Amino acid sequence: MEDKEALAKELRLDRQLCFALYGASLALTRTYKPLLEPLGLTYPRYLAMLVLWETDGVPVKALGERLGLDSGTLSPLLKRLEQAGYVTRQRDRADERQVTVSLTPAGAALKAKAVEVMAAIGVATGCSLEEMAALRDRLQALRDRLQAAQG
């Protein structure tokens, strides 16, 4: 009975892990916004560009899986990146259902400017690279445990 009472005392918004993560995520996304605007990127487009800077010429399906986005969300995002001149989309000649996303020279050149964004985020967090890496690793481990618990 005491365990339920202790848990009931924790049933406050400011004591919830989910709310702390949600608030931190919102604050981080808001911090990125003015840094990404001069690059012509939104936060979701920036994430897509990060994947492409790692590996250029990615199938749309693989990009969506990597970002955790469905095609309904990913297609307009890629359309905007294409309109900005950062990527091209090309259908596979062997399989018309496959579309590959590739960086343009302008999209590849944007990577150098993104380093400045990362540095500014580091300053805004007040964390060292090591602290940011440790926090990221703990959050990824939490995500993995939560996904495993879902079955």
C-alpha atoms as a PDB file:
ATOM      1  CA  MET A   1       0.000   0.000   0.000  1.00  0.00           C
ATOM      2  CA  GLU A   2       2.840   2.350   0.821  1.00  0.00           C
ATOM      3  CA  ASP A   3       4.273   1.979  -2.711  1.00  0.00           C
ATOM      4  CA  LYS A   4       0.988   3.176  -4.224  1.00  0.00           C
ATOM      5  CA  GLU A   5       0.950   6.145  -1.873  1.00  0.00           C
ATOM      6  CA  ALA A   6       4.525   7.012  -2.786  1.00  0.00           C
ATOM      7  CA  LEU A   7       3.658   6.770  -6.482  1.00  0.00           C
ATOM      8  CA  ALA A   8       0.544   8.885  -5.993  1.00  0.00           C
ATOM      9  CA  LYS A   9       2.712  11.645  -4.519  1.00  0.00           C
ATOM     10  CA  GLU A  10       4.790  11.538  -7.713  1.00  0.00           C
ATOM     11  CA  LEU A  11       1.692  11.980  -9.852  1.00  0.00           C
ATOM     12  CA  ARG A  12       2.389  15.641 -10.484  1.00  0.00           C
ATOM     13  CA  LEU A  13       3.228  17.208 -13.816  1.00  0.00           C
ATOM     14  CA  ASP A  14       6.589  18.583 -12.723  1.00  0.00           C
ATOM     15  CA  ARG A  15       7.638  15.114 -11.461  1.00  0.00           C
ATOM     16  CA  GLN A  16       6.991  13.322 -14.780  1.00  0.00           C
ATOM     17  CA  LEU A  17       9.886  12.138 -16.939  1.00  0.00           C
ATOM     18  CA  CYS A  18       7.696  12.412 -20.048  1.00  0.00           C
ATOM     19  CA  PHE A  19       6.995  16.083 -19.358  1.00  0.00           C
ATOM     20  CA  ALA A  20      10.661  16.869 -18.673  1.00  0.00           C
ATOM     21  CA  LEU A  21      11.642  15.240 -21.982  1.00  0.00           C
ATOM     22  CA  TYR A  22       8.808  17.005 -23.809  1.00  0.00           C
ATOM     23  CA  GLY A  23       9.806  20.404 -22.422  1.00  0.00           C
ATOM     24  CA  ALA A  24      13.481  19.851 -23.183  1.00  0.00           C
ATOM     25  CA  SER A  25      12.627  18.759 -26.726  1.00  0.00           C
ATOM     26  CA  LEU A  26      10.516  21.874 -27.314  1.00  0.00           C
ATOM     27  CA  ALA A  27      13.217  24.137 -25.904  1.00  0.00           C
ATOM     28  CA  LEU A  28      15.895  22.499 -28.030  1.00  0.00           C
ATOM     29  CA  THR A  29      13.807  22.764 -31.193  1.00  0.00           C
ATOM     30  CA  ARG A  30      13.128  26.447 -30.441  1.00  0.00           C
ATOM     31  CA  THR A  31      16.861  26.997 -29.994  1.00  0.00           C
ATOM     32  CA  TYR A  32      17.556  25.474 -33.403  1.00  0.00           C
ATOM     33  CA  LYS A  33      14.957  27.611 -35.213  1.00  0.00           C
ATOM     34  CA  PRO A  34      16.863  30.924 -35.488  1.00  0.00           C
ATOM     35  CA  LEU A  35      20.093  29.059 -36.211  1.00  0.00           C
ATOM     36  CA  LEU A  36      18.572  27.102 -39.101  1.00  0.00           C
ATOM     37  CA  GLU A  37      16.523  29.915 -40.662  1.00  0.00           C
ATOM     38  CA  PRO A  38      19.550  31.546 -42.387  1.00  0.00           C
ATOM     39  CA  LEU A  39      20.269  28.144 -43.964  1.00  0.00           C
ATOM     40  CA  GLY A  40      16.709  27.865 -45.240  1.00  0.00           C
ATOM     41  CA  LEU A  41      16.045  24.822 -43.069  1.00  0.00           C
ATOM     42  CA  THR A  42      13.440  23.827 -40.548  1.00  0.00           C
ATOM     43  CA  TYR A  43      14.380  21.366 -37.826  1.00  0.00           C
ATOM     44  CA  PRO A  44      12.882  18.319 -39.623  1.00  0.00           C
ATOM     45  CA  ARG A  45      14.622  19.320 -42.872  1.00  0.00           C
ATOM     46  CA  TYR A  46      17.881  19.694 -40.936  1.00  0.00           C
ATOM     47  CA  LEU A  47      17.517  16.140 -39.641  1.00  0.00           C
ATOM     48  CA  ALA A  48      17.023  14.874 -43.201  1.00  0.00           C
ATOM     49  CA  MET A  49      20.107  16.780 -44.322  1.00  0.00           C
ATOM     50  CA  LEU A  50      22.120  15.245 -41.475  1.00  0.00           C
ATOM     51  CA  VAL A  51      21.291  11.788 -42.820  1.00  0.00           C
ATOM     52  CA  LEU A  52      22.236  12.824 -46.361  1.00  0.00           C
ATOM     53  CA  TRP A  53      25.506  14.390 -45.225  1.00  0.00           C
ATOM     54  CA  GLU A  54      26.355  11.029 -43.651  1.00  0.00           C
ATOM     55  CA  THR A  55      25.317   8.989 -46.692  1.00  0.00           C
ATOM     56  CA  ASP A  56      24.398  10.646 -49.960  1.00  0.00           C
ATOM     57  CA  GLY A  57      22.046   8.900 -52.361  1.00  0.00           C
ATOM     58  CA  VAL A  58      19.625   7.363 -49.870  1.00  0.00           C
ATOM     59  CA  PRO A  59      16.362   5.660 -50.881  1.00  0.00           C
ATOM     60  CA  VAL A  60      13.346   7.586 -49.580  1.00  0.00           C
ATOM     61  CA  LYS A  61      12.179   4.518 -47.658  1.00  0.00           C
ATOM     62  CA  ALA A  62      15.540   4.206 -45.846  1.00  0.00           C
ATOM     63  CA  LEU A  63      15.550   7.932 -45.078  1.00  0.00           C
ATOM     64  CA  GLY A  64      12.064   7.681 -43.588  1.00  0.00           C
ATOM     65  CA  GLU A  65      13.061   4.679 -41.471  1.00  0.00           C
ATOM     66  CA  ARG A  66      16.169   6.454 -40.216  1.00  0.00           C
ATOM     67  CA  LEU A  67      14.175   9.544 -39.218  1.00  0.00           C
ATOM     68  CA  GLY A  68      11.123   7.671 -37.979  1.00  0.00           C
ATOM     69  CA  LEU A  69       8.896   9.497 -40.479  1.00  0.00           C
ATOM     70  CA  ASP A  70       6.165   8.096 -42.707  1.00  0.00           C
ATOM     71  CA  SER A  71       5.979   8.950 -46.405  1.00  0.00           C
ATOM     72  CA  GLY A  72       3.112  11.397 -45.826  1.00  0.00           C
ATOM     73  CA  THR A  73       5.393  13.516 -43.659  1.00  0.00           C
ATOM     74  CA  LEU A  74       8.613  12.880 -45.563  1.00  0.00           C
ATOM     75  CA  SER A  75       7.366  13.656 -49.088  1.00  0.00           C
ATOM     76  CA  PRO A  76       6.487  17.343 -48.458  1.00  0.00           C
ATOM     77  CA  LEU A  77       9.722  17.770 -46.507  1.00  0.00           C
ATOM     78  CA  LEU A  78      11.768  16.429 -49.432  1.00  0.00           C
ATOM     79  CA  LYS A  79       9.780  18.534 -51.874  1.00  0.00           C
ATOM     80  CA  ARG A  80      10.762  21.668 -49.948  1.00  0.00           C
ATOM     81  CA  LEU A  81      14.423  20.621 -49.850  1.00  0.00           C
ATOM     82  CA  GLU A  82      14.278  20.036 -53.594  1.00  0.00           C
ATOM     83  CA  GLN A  83      12.648  23.441 -54.178  1.00  0.00           C
ATOM     84  CA  ALA A  84      15.433  25.030 -52.112  1.00  0.00           C
ATOM     85  CA  GLY A  85      17.977  23.398 -54.416  1.00  0.00           C
ATOM     86  CA  TYR A  86      19.518  21.187 -51.720  1.00  0.00           C
ATOM     87  CA  VAL A  87      18.461  17.737 -52.958  1.00  0.00           C
ATOM     88  CA  THR A  88      17.259  15.897 -56.026  1.00  0.00           C
ATOM     89  CA  ARG A  89      14.874  12.970 -56.115  1.00  0.00           C
ATOM     90  CA  GLN A  90      15.253  10.387 -58.828  1.00  0.00           C
ATOM     91  CA  ARG A  91      13.263   7.257 -59.593  1.00  0.00           C
ATOM     92  CA  ASP A  92      15.230   4.041 -59.929  1.00  0.00           C
ATOM     93  CA  ARG A  93      15.194   2.900 -63.564  1.00  0.00           C
ATOM     94  CA  ALA A  94      15.084  -0.768 -62.547  1.00  0.00           C
ATOM     95  CA  ASP A  95      12.290  -0.265 -59.992  1.00  0.00           C
ATOM     96  CA  GLU A  96      10.028   2.751 -60.527  1.00  0.00           C
ATOM     97  CA  ARG A  97       8.718   2.424 -56.970  1.00  0.00           C
ATOM     98  CA  GLN A  98      12.150   3.297 -55.553  1.00  0.00           C
ATOM     99  CA  VAL A  99      13.103   6.973 -55.279  1.00  0.00           C
ATOM    100  CA  THR A 100      16.610   8.003 -54.284  1.00  0.00           C
ATOM    101  CA  VAL A 101      17.400  11.321 -52.610  1.00  0.00           C
ATOM    102  CA  SER A 102      20.781  12.881 -53.379  1.00  0.00           C
ATOM    103  CA  LEU A 103      22.495  16.087 -52.359  1.00  0.00           C
ATOM    104  CA  THR A 104      23.069  18.841 -54.879  1.00  0.00           C
ATOM    105  CA  PRO A 105      26.357  20.777 -54.699  1.00  0.00           C
ATOM    106  CA  ALA A 106      24.468  23.482 -52.740  1.00  0.00           C
ATOM    107  CA  GLY A 107      23.131  20.866 -50.312  1.00  0.00           C
ATOM    108  CA  ALA A 108      26.577  19.361 -49.809  1.00  0.00           C
ATOM    109  CA  ALA A 109      28.101  22.825 -49.249  1.00  0.00           C
ATOM    110  CA  LEU A 110      25.532  23.537 -46.536  1.00  0.00           C
ATOM    111  CA  LYS A 111      27.254  20.991 -44.296  1.00  0.00           C
ATOM    112  CA  ALA A 112      30.078  23.452 -43.539  1.00  0.00           C
ATOM    113  CA  LYS A 113      27.548  25.962 -42.212  1.00  0.00           C
ATOM    114  CA  ALA A 114      25.829  23.284 -40.144  1.00  0.00           C
ATOM    115  CA  VAL A 115      28.991  22.904 -38.068  1.00  0.00           C
ATOM    116  CA  GLU A 116      28.351  26.427 -36.809  1.00  0.00           C
ATOM    117  CA  VAL A 117      24.821  25.401 -35.827  1.00  0.00           C
ATOM    118  CA  MET A 118      26.156  22.485 -33.806  1.00  0.00           C
ATOM    119  CA  ALA A 119      28.670  24.752 -32.055  1.00  0.00           C
ATOM    120  CA  ALA A 120      25.918  27.249 -31.187  1.00  0.00           C
ATOM    121  CA  ILE A 121      23.756  24.456 -29.757  1.00  0.00           C
ATOM    122  CA  GLY A 122      26.702  23.373 -27.623  1.00  0.00           C
ATOM    123  CA  VAL A 123      27.012  26.891 -26.243  1.00  0.00           C
ATOM    124  CA  ALA A 124      23.251  27.127 -25.631  1.00  0.00           C
ATOM    125  CA  THR A 125      23.180  23.856 -23.692  1.00  0.00           C
ATOM    126  CA  GLY A 126      26.148  24.818 -21.573  1.00  0.00           C
ATOM    127  CA  CYS A 127      27.415  21.249 -21.985  1.00  0.00           C
ATOM    128  CA  SER A 128      30.807  20.048 -23.107  1.00  0.00           C
ATOM    129  CA  LEU A 129      30.997  17.648 -26.049  1.00  0.00           C
ATOM    130  CA  GLU A 130      31.516  14.818 -23.564  1.00  0.00           C
ATOM    131  CA  GLU A 131      28.467  15.822 -21.501  1.00  0.00           C
ATOM    132  CA  MET A 132      26.325  16.105 -24.633  1.00  0.00           C
ATOM    133  CA  ALA A 133      27.508  12.685 -25.823  1.00  0.00           C
ATOM    134  CA  ALA A 134      26.750  11.093 -22.440  1.00  0.00           C
ATOM    135  CA  LEU A 135      23.264  12.641 -22.345  1.00  0.00           C
ATOM    136  CA  ARG A 136      22.578  11.551 -25.931  1.00  0.00           C
ATOM    137  CA  ASP A 137      23.739   8.005 -25.153  1.00  0.00           C
ATOM    138  CA  ARG A 138      21.482   7.791 -22.080  1.00  0.00           C
ATOM    139  CA  LEU A 139      18.496   9.077 -24.057  1.00  0.00           C
ATOM    140  CA  GLN A 140      19.152   6.599 -26.874  1.00  0.00           C
ATOM    141  CA  ALA A 141      19.385   3.776 -24.324  1.00  0.00           C
ATOM    142  CA  LEU A 142      16.084   4.932 -22.795  1.00  0.00           C
ATOM    143  CA  ARG A 143      14.467   4.992 -26.244  1.00  0.00           C
ATOM    144  CA  ASP A 144      15.758   1.477 -26.959  1.00  0.00           C
ATOM    145  CA  ARG A 145      14.385   0.133 -23.641  1.00  0.00           C
ATOM    146  CA  LEU A 146      11.014   1.762 -24.277  1.00  0.00           C
ATOM    147  CA  GLN A 147      10.849   0.320 -27.802  1.00  0.00           C
ATOM    148  CA  ALA A 148      11.768  -3.131 -26.468  1.00  0.00           C
ATOM    149  CA  ALA A 149       9.015  -2.859 -23.847  1.00  0.00           C
ATOM    150  CA  GLN A 150       6.489  -2.201 -26.633  1.00  0.00           C
ATOM    151  CA  GLY A 151       7.249  -5.654 -28.037  1.00  0.00           C
END
